[in-house]
Amino acid sequence: MHRSLRKSLFLAVALGILISSSGCVYRANISQGNIVEEEDLDQVEVGMTRNQVRFLLGTPMVDDPFHRDRWDYVYYVKIGRKDATAKRWVTIEFEADTVTEIQRNRNLADNL
């Protein structure tokens, strides 16, 4: 009886340590997308070509086959388990290879 009690106590302590340490798992910071600096975005103007926009802002992360005339620049940073601390979504619309519209601060999902 003494041996089974010791075994049960050992299992309970081991389980307690395992459960309490599972909340201490390190979560790396996550940075996704294109960092779009305000100074660079200020230089983008209606009438510019795709190459000029690519030079200023870089290539968009996603090449959307359903929206060939739209480039979306999305960026967010998550620190550990917290929601995104910095997020940005910029859309550039093109027509015949020239910029027709710039949407600066579109809303990203709150749960990022």
N, C-alpha and C. Protein backbone atom coordinates (compact mmCIF):
# COMPACT_ATOMS: atom_id res chain seq x y z
N MET A 1 0.83 -1.19 0.00
CA MET A 1 0.00 0.00 0.00
C MET A 1 0.87 1.26 0.00
N HIS A 2 1.94 1.23 0.75
CA HIS A 2 2.84 2.36 0.85
C HIS A 2 3.47 2.67 -0.52
N ARG A 3 3.80 1.64 -1.27
CA ARG A 3 4.43 1.80 -2.58
C ARG A 3 3.46 2.44 -3.58
N SER A 4 2.19 2.04 -3.59
CA SER A 4 1.20 2.61 -4.52
C SER A 4 0.89 4.06 -4.16
N LEU A 5 0.91 4.39 -2.86
CA LEU A 5 0.70 5.77 -2.44
C LEU A 5 1.84 6.66 -2.91
N ARG A 6 3.06 6.17 -2.78
CA ARG A 6 4.23 6.92 -3.23
C ARG A 6 4.19 7.12 -4.75
N LYS A 7 3.76 6.07 -5.45
CA LYS A 7 3.66 6.16 -6.92
C LYS A 7 2.60 7.18 -7.33
N SER A 8 1.47 7.17 -6.65
CA SER A 8 0.39 8.13 -6.94
C SER A 8 0.84 9.56 -6.64
N LEU A 9 1.54 9.73 -5.52
CA LEU A 9 2.04 11.05 -5.16
C LEU A 9 3.05 11.54 -6.19
N PHE A 10 3.94 10.68 -6.63
CA PHE A 10 4.92 11.03 -7.66
C PHE A 10 4.22 11.45 -8.95
N LEU A 11 3.21 10.68 -9.37
CA LEU A 11 2.47 11.01 -10.58
C LEU A 11 1.73 12.34 -10.44
N ALA A 12 1.16 12.61 -9.27
CA ALA A 12 0.45 13.87 -9.03
C ALA A 12 1.41 15.06 -9.10
N VAL A 13 2.56 14.92 -8.49
CA VAL A 13 3.57 15.99 -8.52
C VAL A 13 4.07 16.20 -9.94
N ALA A 14 4.36 15.11 -10.65
CA ALA A 14 4.84 15.22 -12.03
C ALA A 14 3.79 15.88 -12.91
N LEU A 15 2.53 15.50 -12.74
CA LEU A 15 1.45 16.10 -13.51
C LEU A 15 1.31 17.59 -13.18
N GLY A 16 1.42 17.93 -11.90
CA GLY A 16 1.35 19.34 -11.49
C GLY A 16 2.46 20.17 -12.10
N ILE A 17 3.66 19.64 -12.11
CA ILE A 17 4.80 20.36 -12.71
C ILE A 17 4.58 20.52 -14.21
N LEU A 18 4.11 19.48 -14.85
CA LEU A 18 3.86 19.53 -16.30
C LEU A 18 2.81 20.57 -16.64
N ILE A 19 1.72 20.60 -15.90
CA ILE A 19 0.65 21.56 -16.17
C ILE A 19 1.11 22.99 -15.89
N SER A 20 1.80 23.19 -14.78
CA SER A 20 2.24 24.55 -14.45
C SER A 20 3.31 25.05 -15.41
N SER A 21 4.14 24.18 -15.93
CA SER A 21 5.19 24.62 -16.85
C SER A 21 4.69 24.82 -18.27
N SER A 22 3.51 24.30 -18.60
CA SER A 22 3.00 24.46 -19.97
C SER A 22 2.64 25.91 -20.26
N GLY A 23 2.34 26.69 -19.23
CA GLY A 23 2.06 28.11 -19.43
C GLY A 23 3.31 28.94 -19.60
N CYS A 24 4.46 28.37 -19.41
CA CYS A 24 5.72 29.10 -19.48
C CYS A 24 6.45 28.88 -20.81
N VAL A 25 5.76 28.37 -21.79
CA VAL A 25 6.39 28.10 -23.07
C VAL A 25 6.69 29.42 -23.77
N TYR A 26 7.88 29.55 -24.28
CA TYR A 26 8.30 30.78 -24.96
C TYR A 26 7.57 30.91 -26.29
N ARG A 27 7.03 32.07 -26.56
CA ARG A 27 6.40 32.37 -27.84
C ARG A 27 7.24 33.42 -28.54
N ALA A 28 7.77 33.07 -29.69
CA ALA A 28 8.61 34.00 -30.44
C ALA A 28 7.77 35.14 -31.00
N ASN A 29 8.40 36.30 -31.15
CA ASN A 29 7.73 37.42 -31.80
C ASN A 29 7.54 37.07 -33.27
N ILE A 30 6.38 37.42 -33.81
CA ILE A 30 6.06 37.10 -35.19
C ILE A 30 5.89 38.40 -35.97
N SER A 31 6.64 38.52 -37.03
CA SER A 31 6.55 39.67 -37.92
C SER A 31 6.20 39.14 -39.31
N GLN A 32 5.07 39.58 -39.83
CA GLN A 32 4.60 39.08 -41.12
C GLN A 32 4.35 40.24 -42.07
N GLY A 33 4.72 40.06 -43.32
CA GLY A 33 4.35 41.01 -44.36
C GLY A 33 5.45 41.99 -44.72
N ASN A 34 5.03 43.06 -45.41
CA ASN A 34 5.92 44.11 -45.87
C ASN A 34 5.88 45.28 -44.90
N ILE A 35 7.03 45.71 -44.44
CA ILE A 35 7.08 46.93 -43.63
C ILE A 35 6.98 48.10 -44.60
N VAL A 36 5.90 48.86 -44.49
CA VAL A 36 5.69 50.01 -45.35
C VAL A 36 5.92 51.26 -44.52
N GLU A 37 7.02 51.93 -44.79
CA GLU A 37 7.35 53.16 -44.07
C GLU A 37 6.50 54.32 -44.59
N GLU A 38 6.09 55.19 -43.69
CA GLU A 38 5.25 56.33 -44.06
C GLU A 38 5.94 57.23 -45.09
N GLU A 39 7.26 57.40 -44.95
CA GLU A 39 8.00 58.25 -45.89
C GLU A 39 7.94 57.68 -47.31
N ASP A 40 8.03 56.35 -47.42
CA ASP A 40 7.97 55.70 -48.73
C ASP A 40 6.56 55.78 -49.31
N LEU A 41 5.56 55.55 -48.46
CA LEU A 41 4.18 55.60 -48.92
C LEU A 41 3.78 57.01 -49.36
N ASP A 42 4.34 58.03 -48.70
CA ASP A 42 4.05 59.41 -49.09
C ASP A 42 4.53 59.73 -50.50
N GLN A 43 5.49 58.98 -50.99
CA GLN A 43 6.04 59.23 -52.33
C GLN A 43 5.21 58.58 -53.43
N VAL A 44 4.35 57.60 -53.07
CA VAL A 44 3.52 56.93 -54.07
C VAL A 44 2.39 57.88 -54.47
N GLU A 45 2.23 58.06 -55.78
CA GLU A 45 1.23 58.99 -56.30
C GLU A 45 0.43 58.33 -57.42
N VAL A 46 -0.78 58.82 -57.61
CA VAL A 46 -1.60 58.38 -58.74
C VAL A 46 -0.86 58.71 -60.03
N GLY A 47 -0.81 57.75 -60.95
CA GLY A 47 -0.12 57.94 -62.21
C GLY A 47 1.23 57.24 -62.29
N MET A 48 1.75 56.79 -61.14
CA MET A 48 3.02 56.06 -61.15
C MET A 48 2.85 54.68 -61.78
N THR A 49 3.94 54.11 -62.25
CA THR A 49 3.91 52.77 -62.82
C THR A 49 4.10 51.71 -61.73
N ARG A 50 3.83 50.48 -62.09
CA ARG A 50 4.04 49.36 -61.15
C ARG A 50 5.51 49.29 -60.71
N ASN A 51 6.42 49.48 -61.65
CA ASN A 51 7.85 49.42 -61.32
C ASN A 51 8.24 50.50 -60.32
N GLN A 52 7.69 51.69 -60.47
CA GLN A 52 8.00 52.76 -59.51
C GLN A 52 7.48 52.43 -58.11
N VAL A 53 6.27 51.86 -58.04
CA VAL A 53 5.70 51.47 -56.75
C VAL A 53 6.53 50.34 -56.15
N ARG A 54 6.92 49.37 -56.96
CA ARG A 54 7.74 48.26 -56.48
C ARG A 54 9.08 48.77 -55.95
N PHE A 55 9.65 49.77 -56.60
CA PHE A 55 10.91 50.36 -56.14
C PHE A 55 10.75 50.99 -54.76
N LEU A 56 9.63 51.68 -54.53
CA LEU A 56 9.41 52.37 -53.26
C LEU A 56 8.96 51.44 -52.13
N LEU A 57 8.02 50.53 -52.43
CA LEU A 57 7.40 49.73 -51.38
C LEU A 57 7.82 48.27 -51.38
N GLY A 58 8.45 47.82 -52.44
CA GLY A 58 8.81 46.41 -52.55
C GLY A 58 7.69 45.62 -53.22
N THR A 59 7.94 44.34 -53.40
CA THR A 59 6.95 43.46 -54.01
C THR A 59 5.94 43.03 -52.96
N PRO A 60 4.64 43.07 -53.28
CA PRO A 60 3.65 42.63 -52.30
C PRO A 60 3.84 41.16 -51.94
N MET A 61 3.48 40.79 -50.72
CA MET A 61 3.67 39.42 -50.24
C MET A 61 2.85 38.41 -51.02
N VAL A 62 1.62 38.77 -51.39
CA VAL A 62 0.71 37.82 -52.05
C VAL A 62 0.39 38.32 -53.45
N ASP A 63 0.54 37.43 -54.41
CA ASP A 63 0.15 37.72 -55.79
C ASP A 63 -1.24 37.13 -55.99
N ASP A 64 -2.27 37.96 -55.88
CA ASP A 64 -3.65 37.50 -55.93
C ASP A 64 -4.10 37.35 -57.38
N PRO A 65 -4.36 36.14 -57.85
CA PRO A 65 -4.77 35.94 -59.24
C PRO A 65 -6.15 36.50 -59.54
N PHE A 66 -6.97 36.76 -58.54
CA PHE A 66 -8.31 37.28 -58.74
C PHE A 66 -8.33 38.81 -58.80
N HIS A 67 -7.26 39.44 -58.38
CA HIS A 67 -7.17 40.91 -58.38
C HIS A 67 -5.82 41.32 -58.96
N ARG A 68 -5.64 41.11 -60.23
CA ARG A 68 -4.35 41.41 -60.89
C ARG A 68 -4.00 42.89 -60.83
N ASP A 69 -5.01 43.75 -60.75
CA ASP A 69 -4.77 45.20 -60.76
C ASP A 69 -4.80 45.79 -59.35
N ARG A 70 -4.56 44.95 -58.35
CA ARG A 70 -4.54 45.44 -56.97
C ARG A 70 -3.37 44.79 -56.23
N TRP A 71 -2.59 45.62 -55.57
CA TRP A 71 -1.51 45.14 -54.72
C TRP A 71 -1.85 45.47 -53.28
N ASP A 72 -1.77 44.46 -52.42
CA ASP A 72 -2.03 44.66 -50.99
C ASP A 72 -0.74 44.48 -50.22
N TYR A 73 -0.41 45.46 -49.44
CA TYR A 73 0.75 45.41 -48.55
C TYR A 73 0.22 45.28 -47.13
N VAL A 74 0.41 44.11 -46.54
CA VAL A 74 -0.09 43.84 -45.19
C VAL A 74 1.10 43.57 -44.29
N TYR A 75 1.05 44.15 -43.10
CA TYR A 75 2.14 43.96 -42.14
C TYR A 75 1.57 43.93 -40.73
N TYR A 76 2.05 42.98 -39.93
CA TYR A 76 1.72 43.00 -38.52
C TYR A 76 2.82 42.35 -37.69
N VAL A 77 2.88 42.75 -36.42
CA VAL A 77 3.86 42.21 -35.48
C VAL A 77 3.10 41.73 -34.26
N LYS A 78 3.35 40.48 -33.84
CA LYS A 78 2.79 39.93 -32.62
C LYS A 78 3.94 39.67 -31.65
N ILE A 79 3.82 40.20 -30.44
CA ILE A 79 4.84 40.01 -29.41
C ILE A 79 4.32 38.93 -28.46
N GLY A 80 4.96 37.78 -28.46
CA GLY A 80 4.56 36.69 -27.58
C GLY A 80 3.14 36.25 -27.81
N ARG A 81 2.35 36.20 -26.74
CA ARG A 81 0.95 35.75 -26.83
C ARG A 81 -0.02 36.90 -27.05
N LYS A 82 0.46 38.12 -27.06
CA LYS A 82 -0.40 39.29 -27.20
C LYS A 82 -0.92 39.42 -28.62
N ASP A 83 -2.00 40.21 -28.78
CA ASP A 83 -2.48 40.53 -30.12
C ASP A 83 -1.45 41.40 -30.82
N ALA A 84 -1.65 41.63 -32.10
CA ALA A 84 -0.71 42.41 -32.89
C ALA A 84 -0.51 43.79 -32.26
N THR A 85 0.75 44.18 -32.11
CA THR A 85 1.05 45.49 -31.54
C THR A 85 1.18 46.54 -32.63
N ALA A 86 1.52 46.11 -33.83
CA ALA A 86 1.59 47.03 -34.97
C ALA A 86 1.00 46.31 -36.17
N LYS A 87 0.08 46.97 -36.85
CA LYS A 87 -0.48 46.36 -38.05
C LYS A 87 -0.86 47.44 -39.04
N ARG A 88 -0.76 47.06 -40.30
CA ARG A 88 -1.02 48.01 -41.37
C ARG A 88 -1.43 47.26 -42.62
N TRP A 89 -2.37 47.86 -43.37
CA TRP A 89 -2.83 47.28 -44.63
C TRP A 89 -3.00 48.42 -45.61
N VAL A 90 -2.20 48.40 -46.66
CA VAL A 90 -2.23 49.42 -47.71
C VAL A 90 -2.58 48.73 -49.02
N THR A 91 -3.50 49.32 -49.78
CA THR A 91 -3.89 48.77 -51.08
C THR A 91 -3.59 49.79 -52.16
N ILE A 92 -2.93 49.32 -53.22
CA ILE A 92 -2.65 50.16 -54.39
C ILE A 92 -3.42 49.56 -55.56
N GLU A 93 -4.27 50.37 -56.19
CA GLU A 93 -5.06 49.93 -57.35
C GLU A 93 -4.40 50.45 -58.63
N PHE A 94 -4.35 49.58 -59.64
CA PHE A 94 -3.76 49.93 -60.94
C PHE A 94 -4.79 49.81 -62.04
N GLU A 95 -4.56 50.58 -63.09
CA GLU A 95 -5.31 50.42 -64.33
C GLU A 95 -4.34 50.71 -65.46
N ALA A 96 -4.18 49.74 -66.35
CA ALA A 96 -3.23 49.86 -67.47
C ALA A 96 -1.83 50.20 -66.96
N ASP A 97 -1.41 49.50 -65.92
CA ASP A 97 -0.06 49.60 -65.37
C ASP A 97 0.26 50.91 -64.65
N THR A 98 -0.75 51.72 -64.35
CA THR A 98 -0.51 52.95 -63.59
C THR A 98 -1.43 53.00 -62.37
N VAL A 99 -0.96 53.65 -61.32
CA VAL A 99 -1.71 53.76 -60.07
C VAL A 99 -2.94 54.64 -60.29
N THR A 100 -4.11 54.12 -59.84
CA THR A 100 -5.34 54.90 -59.92
C THR A 100 -5.89 55.25 -58.54
N GLU A 101 -5.52 54.44 -57.52
CA GLU A 101 -6.05 54.70 -56.18
C GLU A 101 -5.08 54.15 -55.13
N ILE A 102 -4.98 54.87 -54.00
CA ILE A 102 -4.14 54.45 -52.88
C ILE A 102 -5.01 54.46 -51.63
N GLN A 103 -5.17 53.29 -51.02
CA GLN A 103 -5.93 53.18 -49.77
C GLN A 103 -4.91 52.90 -48.67
N ARG A 104 -4.72 53.88 -47.81
CA ARG A 104 -3.61 53.84 -46.84
C ARG A 104 -3.87 52.95 -45.63
N ASN A 105 -4.90 53.17 -44.90
CA ASN A 105 -5.08 52.49 -43.61
C ASN A 105 -6.37 51.69 -43.60
N ARG A 106 -6.32 50.55 -44.25
CA ARG A 106 -7.47 49.65 -44.23
C ARG A 106 -7.43 48.88 -42.91
N ASN A 107 -8.59 48.40 -42.48
CA ASN A 107 -8.69 47.72 -41.18
C ASN A 107 -8.36 46.24 -41.31
N LEU A 108 -7.46 45.78 -40.46
CA LEU A 108 -7.15 44.36 -40.34
C LEU A 108 -8.03 43.76 -39.26
N ALA A 109 -8.17 42.45 -39.27
CA ALA A 109 -8.98 41.76 -38.27
C ALA A 109 -8.45 42.07 -36.86
N ASP A 110 -9.37 42.24 -35.92
CA ASP A 110 -8.99 42.56 -34.54
C ASP A 110 -8.25 41.44 -33.85
N ASN A 111 -8.48 40.18 -34.27
CA ASN A 111 -7.89 39.05 -33.56
C ASN A 111 -6.49 38.70 -34.03
N LEU A 112 -5.86 39.53 -34.82
CA LEU A 112 -4.47 39.30 -35.23
C LEU A 112 -3.54 39.58 -34.09
